[in-house]
Each structure stands twice: as C-alpha cells, then as structure tokens.
Amino acid sequence: MDNIIIFEDFTKVDLRVGTILEVNDFPNAKKPAYQLTIDFGDLGIKKSSAQITTQYSKEDLLNKQIVAVVNFPKKQIANFMSECLVMGAVKENDVFLLHPESLVKNGSQVS
C-alpha cells in the first residue's frame, strides 16, 4: 500500500452522522446524481451532491441516516455548492451508503 498516513492525519477528518431531510434531482451534474440536504444536529444543515441514483430512489433516501465528512472546504459542482462528502462503499461502479445500524443523534462523531 503506497498511501500510508499517520494516525494524526486520520484524526483531522471529521466524520459525522446526519439525516437526509431533502433529496432533489441534479440535472446539471455530469454524472447522474442527487442533491441532498442533511441535518447534522448542532453542526447545522449541510448540502451535498451524491452519485447514488442507481442504488437509491429519492424516497429510499428521505430520513435515512448517513455518514459524511463535514470538514472539507465547500466544492462547486456545476451550479451547486457541496458542503460535505457523503461516504459510501463502491462495488462494481455502484455506491452503497455507509450508515449506523441503529438510530443515533444527528452530528454524532464517527470514530
């Protein structure tokens, strides 16, 4: 493995649990994607773009808890400003969202 990091590098990544409040189509994205509005509790509401349209319908995502990186700088994606990075596992070009097995408080830290 060539990309070895030290533990202190990993501790800089702020992974939190949030609940998806709103899901919208993102027709301006280069690849099919949704625009998500996510509640991170005390950290507030953040928006993200996610290329998860092949595995999830908008209805599947509504009120679903997910894991996201919340301390990246904002990133412009087409005409949309993404404020966090939703985490998922990739299998054969499909993304499967990471999420807690049980309901937890929005904003809970992932460690």
N, C-alpha and C. Protein backbone atom coordinates (compact mmCIF):
# COMPACT_ATOMS: atom_id res chain seq x y z
N MET A 1 0.85 -1.18 0.00
CA MET A 1 0.00 0.00 0.00
C MET A 1 0.89 1.24 0.00
N ASP A 2 0.68 2.10 -0.98
CA ASP A 2 1.55 3.27 -1.16
C ASP A 2 1.07 4.51 -0.43
N ASN A 3 -0.19 4.56 -0.05
CA ASN A 3 -0.74 5.79 0.54
C ASN A 3 -0.83 5.71 2.06
N ILE A 4 0.24 5.33 2.71
CA ILE A 4 0.26 5.21 4.16
C ILE A 4 0.21 6.61 4.78
N ILE A 5 -0.68 6.78 5.75
CA ILE A 5 -0.75 8.03 6.50
C ILE A 5 -0.52 7.71 7.98
N ILE A 6 -0.24 8.73 8.73
CA ILE A 6 -0.08 8.52 10.17
C ILE A 6 -1.42 8.79 10.84
N PHE A 7 -1.60 8.30 12.06
CA PHE A 7 -2.86 8.40 12.76
C PHE A 7 -3.30 9.86 12.92
N GLU A 8 -2.36 10.76 13.13
CA GLU A 8 -2.69 12.17 13.30
C GLU A 8 -3.36 12.74 12.04
N ASP A 9 -2.98 12.23 10.85
CA ASP A 9 -3.65 12.66 9.62
C ASP A 9 -5.11 12.24 9.65
N PHE A 10 -5.36 11.01 10.06
CA PHE A 10 -6.74 10.50 10.10
C PHE A 10 -7.60 11.28 11.09
N THR A 11 -7.03 11.68 12.20
CA THR A 11 -7.82 12.40 13.22
C THR A 11 -8.28 13.77 12.74
N LYS A 12 -7.71 14.28 11.66
CA LYS A 12 -8.14 15.56 11.11
C LYS A 12 -9.46 15.44 10.35
N VAL A 13 -9.83 14.22 9.94
CA VAL A 13 -11.06 14.00 9.18
C VAL A 13 -12.23 13.93 10.16
N ASP A 14 -13.20 14.82 9.99
CA ASP A 14 -14.36 14.88 10.88
C ASP A 14 -15.53 14.14 10.24
N LEU A 15 -15.74 12.89 10.64
CA LEU A 15 -16.83 12.06 10.15
C LEU A 15 -18.00 12.16 11.11
N ARG A 16 -19.17 12.49 10.58
CA ARG A 16 -20.35 12.67 11.42
C ARG A 16 -21.56 11.96 10.80
N VAL A 17 -22.53 11.67 11.65
CA VAL A 17 -23.80 11.09 11.21
C VAL A 17 -24.80 12.21 11.02
N GLY A 18 -25.54 12.13 9.92
CA GLY A 18 -26.60 13.09 9.65
C GLY A 18 -27.80 12.39 9.05
N THR A 19 -28.93 13.08 9.06
CA THR A 19 -30.17 12.55 8.50
C THR A 19 -30.53 13.35 7.25
N ILE A 20 -30.82 12.65 6.17
CA ILE A 20 -31.19 13.29 4.92
C ILE A 20 -32.61 13.85 5.04
N LEU A 21 -32.73 15.16 4.88
CA LEU A 21 -34.02 15.85 5.01
C LEU A 21 -34.70 16.07 3.66
N GLU A 22 -33.88 16.23 2.63
CA GLU A 22 -34.43 16.56 1.31
C GLU A 22 -33.55 15.94 0.23
N VAL A 23 -34.19 15.43 -0.83
CA VAL A 23 -33.49 14.83 -1.96
C VAL A 23 -34.07 15.42 -3.24
N ASN A 24 -33.18 15.98 -4.07
CA ASN A 24 -33.62 16.56 -5.34
C ASN A 24 -32.78 16.01 -6.48
N ASP A 25 -33.38 15.92 -7.66
CA ASP A 25 -32.63 15.57 -8.85
C ASP A 25 -31.58 16.65 -9.11
N PHE A 26 -30.50 16.27 -9.79
CA PHE A 26 -29.42 17.20 -10.10
C PHE A 26 -29.13 17.11 -11.60
N PRO A 27 -30.00 17.71 -12.41
CA PRO A 27 -29.86 17.57 -13.86
C PRO A 27 -28.59 18.19 -14.45
N ASN A 28 -27.96 19.13 -13.75
CA ASN A 28 -26.75 19.78 -14.26
C ASN A 28 -25.47 19.01 -13.96
N ALA A 29 -25.57 17.93 -13.19
CA ALA A 29 -24.38 17.13 -12.87
C ALA A 29 -23.91 16.38 -14.12
N LYS A 30 -22.59 16.19 -14.25
CA LYS A 30 -22.05 15.45 -15.39
C LYS A 30 -22.49 14.00 -15.37
N LYS A 31 -22.50 13.39 -14.18
CA LYS A 31 -22.97 12.01 -14.00
C LYS A 31 -24.24 12.08 -13.16
N PRO A 32 -25.17 11.13 -13.34
CA PRO A 32 -26.42 11.17 -12.57
C PRO A 32 -26.16 11.28 -11.06
N ALA A 33 -26.84 12.23 -10.43
CA ALA A 33 -26.61 12.49 -9.00
C ALA A 33 -27.87 13.10 -8.39
N TYR A 34 -27.88 13.09 -7.06
CA TYR A 34 -28.91 13.79 -6.30
C TYR A 34 -28.27 14.95 -5.55
N GLN A 35 -29.06 15.95 -5.25
CA GLN A 35 -28.68 17.00 -4.32
C GLN A 35 -29.34 16.65 -2.99
N LEU A 36 -28.54 16.53 -1.94
CA LEU A 36 -29.03 16.14 -0.63
C LEU A 36 -28.93 17.31 0.35
N THR A 37 -29.94 17.44 1.20
CA THR A 37 -29.90 18.36 2.33
C THR A 37 -29.88 17.50 3.58
N ILE A 38 -28.86 17.68 4.42
CA ILE A 38 -28.59 16.76 5.53
C ILE A 38 -28.51 17.52 6.84
N ASP A 39 -29.19 17.00 7.86
CA ASP A 39 -29.20 17.58 9.20
C ASP A 39 -28.11 16.93 10.04
N PHE A 40 -27.13 17.73 10.47
CA PHE A 40 -26.05 17.25 11.32
C PHE A 40 -26.18 17.78 12.75
N GLY A 41 -27.40 17.96 13.22
CA GLY A 41 -27.64 18.38 14.59
C GLY A 41 -27.02 19.72 14.89
N ASP A 42 -26.19 19.78 15.94
CA ASP A 42 -25.56 21.03 16.37
C ASP A 42 -24.65 21.64 15.31
N LEU A 43 -24.19 20.83 14.34
CA LEU A 43 -23.34 21.34 13.26
C LEU A 43 -24.15 22.04 12.18
N GLY A 44 -25.47 21.85 12.21
CA GLY A 44 -26.34 22.53 11.25
C GLY A 44 -26.71 21.67 10.06
N ILE A 45 -27.31 22.33 9.10
CA ILE A 45 -27.77 21.70 7.86
C ILE A 45 -26.70 21.91 6.79
N LYS A 46 -26.34 20.85 6.10
CA LYS A 46 -25.34 20.93 5.02
C LYS A 46 -25.90 20.27 3.77
N LYS A 47 -25.38 20.69 2.63
CA LYS A 47 -25.80 20.15 1.35
C LYS A 47 -24.67 19.34 0.73
N SER A 48 -25.05 18.32 -0.05
CA SER A 48 -24.06 17.50 -0.73
C SER A 48 -24.64 16.99 -2.03
N SER A 49 -23.78 16.72 -2.97
CA SER A 49 -24.14 16.05 -4.20
C SER A 49 -23.64 14.62 -4.09
N ALA A 50 -24.47 13.66 -4.51
CA ALA A 50 -24.07 12.25 -4.39
C ALA A 50 -24.51 11.47 -5.62
N GLN A 51 -23.56 10.74 -6.19
CA GLN A 51 -23.83 9.91 -7.37
C GLN A 51 -24.32 8.54 -6.90
N ILE A 52 -25.56 8.51 -6.43
CA ILE A 52 -26.12 7.29 -5.84
C ILE A 52 -27.48 6.94 -6.45
N THR A 53 -27.73 7.43 -7.66
CA THR A 53 -29.04 7.26 -8.28
C THR A 53 -29.33 5.84 -8.73
N THR A 54 -28.31 5.02 -8.95
CA THR A 54 -28.56 3.65 -9.42
C THR A 54 -28.99 2.72 -8.29
N GLN A 55 -28.62 3.03 -7.07
CA GLN A 55 -28.94 2.14 -5.94
C GLN A 55 -30.06 2.67 -5.05
N TYR A 56 -30.35 3.96 -5.12
CA TYR A 56 -31.31 4.56 -4.20
C TYR A 56 -32.30 5.45 -4.95
N SER A 57 -33.56 5.32 -4.61
CA SER A 57 -34.56 6.27 -5.09
C SER A 57 -34.59 7.44 -4.11
N LYS A 58 -35.21 8.51 -4.52
CA LYS A 58 -35.34 9.67 -3.62
C LYS A 58 -36.10 9.28 -2.36
N GLU A 59 -37.11 8.46 -2.52
CA GLU A 59 -37.91 8.01 -1.37
C GLU A 59 -37.09 7.16 -0.41
N ASP A 60 -36.18 6.31 -0.95
CA ASP A 60 -35.31 5.48 -0.10
C ASP A 60 -34.41 6.34 0.79
N LEU A 61 -34.01 7.48 0.27
CA LEU A 61 -33.03 8.32 0.96
C LEU A 61 -33.64 9.25 2.00
N LEU A 62 -34.87 9.63 1.81
CA LEU A 62 -35.50 10.57 2.72
C LEU A 62 -35.54 10.01 4.14
N ASN A 63 -35.02 10.77 5.10
CA ASN A 63 -34.94 10.42 6.52
C ASN A 63 -33.93 9.31 6.83
N LYS A 64 -33.07 8.98 5.88
CA LYS A 64 -32.03 7.97 6.10
C LYS A 64 -30.82 8.62 6.77
N GLN A 65 -30.28 7.96 7.77
CA GLN A 65 -29.04 8.45 8.38
C GLN A 65 -27.85 7.97 7.56
N ILE A 66 -26.89 8.85 7.41
CA ILE A 66 -25.68 8.57 6.62
C ILE A 66 -24.45 9.05 7.39
N VAL A 67 -23.29 8.69 6.86
CA VAL A 67 -22.00 9.17 7.40
C VAL A 67 -21.39 10.09 6.35
N ALA A 68 -20.84 11.22 6.81
CA ALA A 68 -20.23 12.18 5.89
C ALA A 68 -19.03 12.86 6.53
N VAL A 69 -18.11 13.28 5.67
CA VAL A 69 -17.01 14.15 6.10
C VAL A 69 -17.54 15.57 6.09
N VAL A 70 -17.45 16.25 7.23
CA VAL A 70 -18.06 17.58 7.34
C VAL A 70 -17.03 18.71 7.40
N ASN A 71 -15.74 18.40 7.33
CA ASN A 71 -14.75 19.48 7.45
C ASN A 71 -13.88 19.67 6.20
N PHE A 72 -14.40 19.28 5.04
CA PHE A 72 -13.76 19.65 3.79
C PHE A 72 -14.22 21.06 3.42
N PRO A 73 -13.43 21.78 2.63
CA PRO A 73 -13.92 23.07 2.14
C PRO A 73 -15.08 22.84 1.17
N LYS A 74 -15.93 23.84 1.02
CA LYS A 74 -17.04 23.76 0.07
C LYS A 74 -16.48 23.53 -1.33
N LYS A 75 -17.27 22.79 -2.16
CA LYS A 75 -16.83 22.50 -3.52
C LYS A 75 -17.96 22.77 -4.50
N GLN A 76 -17.65 23.55 -5.53
CA GLN A 76 -18.63 23.86 -6.56
C GLN A 76 -18.75 22.67 -7.51
N ILE A 77 -19.97 22.15 -7.66
CA ILE A 77 -20.25 21.07 -8.59
C ILE A 77 -21.37 21.57 -9.50
N ALA A 78 -21.01 21.88 -10.75
CA ALA A 78 -21.94 22.52 -11.69
C ALA A 78 -22.47 23.79 -11.03
N ASN A 79 -23.78 23.92 -10.89
CA ASN A 79 -24.37 25.12 -10.30
C ASN A 79 -24.73 24.93 -8.83
N PHE A 80 -24.08 23.99 -8.15
CA PHE A 80 -24.42 23.59 -6.78
C PHE A 80 -23.18 23.63 -5.91
N MET A 81 -23.33 24.10 -4.66
CA MET A 81 -22.21 24.16 -3.73
C MET A 81 -22.34 23.01 -2.73
N SER A 82 -21.42 22.05 -2.80
CA SER A 82 -21.42 20.91 -1.89
C SER A 82 -20.63 21.27 -0.64
N GLU A 83 -21.23 20.96 0.54
CA GLU A 83 -20.62 21.37 1.81
C GLU A 83 -20.10 20.20 2.63
N CYS A 84 -20.34 18.98 2.18
CA CYS A 84 -19.84 17.80 2.89
C CYS A 84 -19.72 16.65 1.89
N LEU A 85 -19.04 15.59 2.28
CA LEU A 85 -18.84 14.44 1.41
C LEU A 85 -19.49 13.21 2.04
N VAL A 86 -20.56 12.75 1.42
CA VAL A 86 -21.27 11.56 1.90
C VAL A 86 -20.41 10.33 1.59
N MET A 87 -20.27 9.44 2.57
CA MET A 87 -19.39 8.29 2.44
C MET A 87 -20.15 7.05 1.97
N GLY A 88 -19.49 6.26 1.14
CA GLY A 88 -20.09 5.03 0.68
C GLY A 88 -19.02 4.05 0.24
N ALA A 89 -19.41 2.79 0.14
CA ALA A 89 -18.53 1.74 -0.35
C ALA A 89 -18.85 1.51 -1.82
N VAL A 90 -17.82 1.30 -2.64
CA VAL A 90 -18.01 1.13 -4.07
C VAL A 90 -17.91 -0.35 -4.41
N LYS A 91 -18.92 -0.80 -5.17
CA LYS A 91 -18.94 -2.18 -5.67
C LYS A 91 -19.38 -2.12 -7.13
N GLU A 92 -18.47 -2.48 -8.02
CA GLU A 92 -18.79 -2.51 -9.45
C GLU A 92 -19.43 -1.21 -9.93
N ASN A 93 -18.81 -0.09 -9.61
CA ASN A 93 -19.24 1.26 -10.02
C ASN A 93 -20.52 1.76 -9.35
N ASP A 94 -21.08 1.02 -8.40
CA ASP A 94 -22.23 1.48 -7.63
C ASP A 94 -21.74 1.87 -6.23
N VAL A 95 -22.39 2.89 -5.66
CA VAL A 95 -22.03 3.36 -4.32
C VAL A 95 -23.11 2.95 -3.34
N PHE A 96 -22.70 2.33 -2.23
CA PHE A 96 -23.60 1.91 -1.18
C PHE A 96 -23.26 2.73 0.07
N LEU A 97 -24.23 3.50 0.53
CA LEU A 97 -24.00 4.45 1.62
C LEU A 97 -23.61 3.77 2.93
N LEU A 98 -22.68 4.40 3.64
CA LEU A 98 -22.35 3.97 4.99
C LEU A 98 -23.35 4.61 5.94
N HIS A 99 -23.83 3.84 6.90
CA HIS A 99 -24.83 4.35 7.83
C HIS A 99 -24.79 3.56 9.12
N PRO A 100 -25.23 4.17 10.23
CA PRO A 100 -25.26 3.44 11.50
C PRO A 100 -26.36 2.37 11.47
N GLU A 101 -26.15 1.29 12.21
CA GLU A 101 -27.14 0.22 12.29
C GLU A 101 -28.36 0.62 13.10
N SER A 102 -28.15 1.49 14.06
CA SER A 102 -29.24 1.97 14.92
C SER A 102 -29.32 3.48 14.80
N LEU A 103 -30.49 4.03 15.10
CA LEU A 103 -30.68 5.48 15.08
C LEU A 103 -29.78 6.12 16.13
N VAL A 104 -29.02 7.13 15.72
CA VAL A 104 -28.16 7.87 16.64
C VAL A 104 -28.45 9.36 16.48
N LYS A 105 -27.98 10.15 17.42
CA LYS A 105 -28.19 11.59 17.39
C LYS A 105 -27.46 12.18 16.18
N ASN A 106 -28.16 13.07 15.45
CA ASN A 106 -27.53 13.77 14.33
C ASN A 106 -26.32 14.56 14.84
N GLY A 107 -25.23 14.47 14.09
CA GLY A 107 -23.99 15.14 14.49
C GLY A 107 -23.06 14.23 15.28
N SER A 108 -23.52 13.01 15.60
CA SER A 108 -22.65 12.07 16.32
C SER A 108 -21.37 11.84 15.55
N GLN A 109 -20.27 11.82 16.28
CA GLN A 109 -18.97 11.63 15.67
C GLN A 109 -18.75 10.14 15.37
N VAL A 110 -18.13 9.87 14.24
CA VAL A 110 -17.78 8.50 13.85
C VAL A 110 -16.31 8.32 14.21
N SER A 111 -16.04 7.25 14.95
CA SER A 111 -14.64 7.00 15.35
C SER A 111 -14.26 5.57 15.13
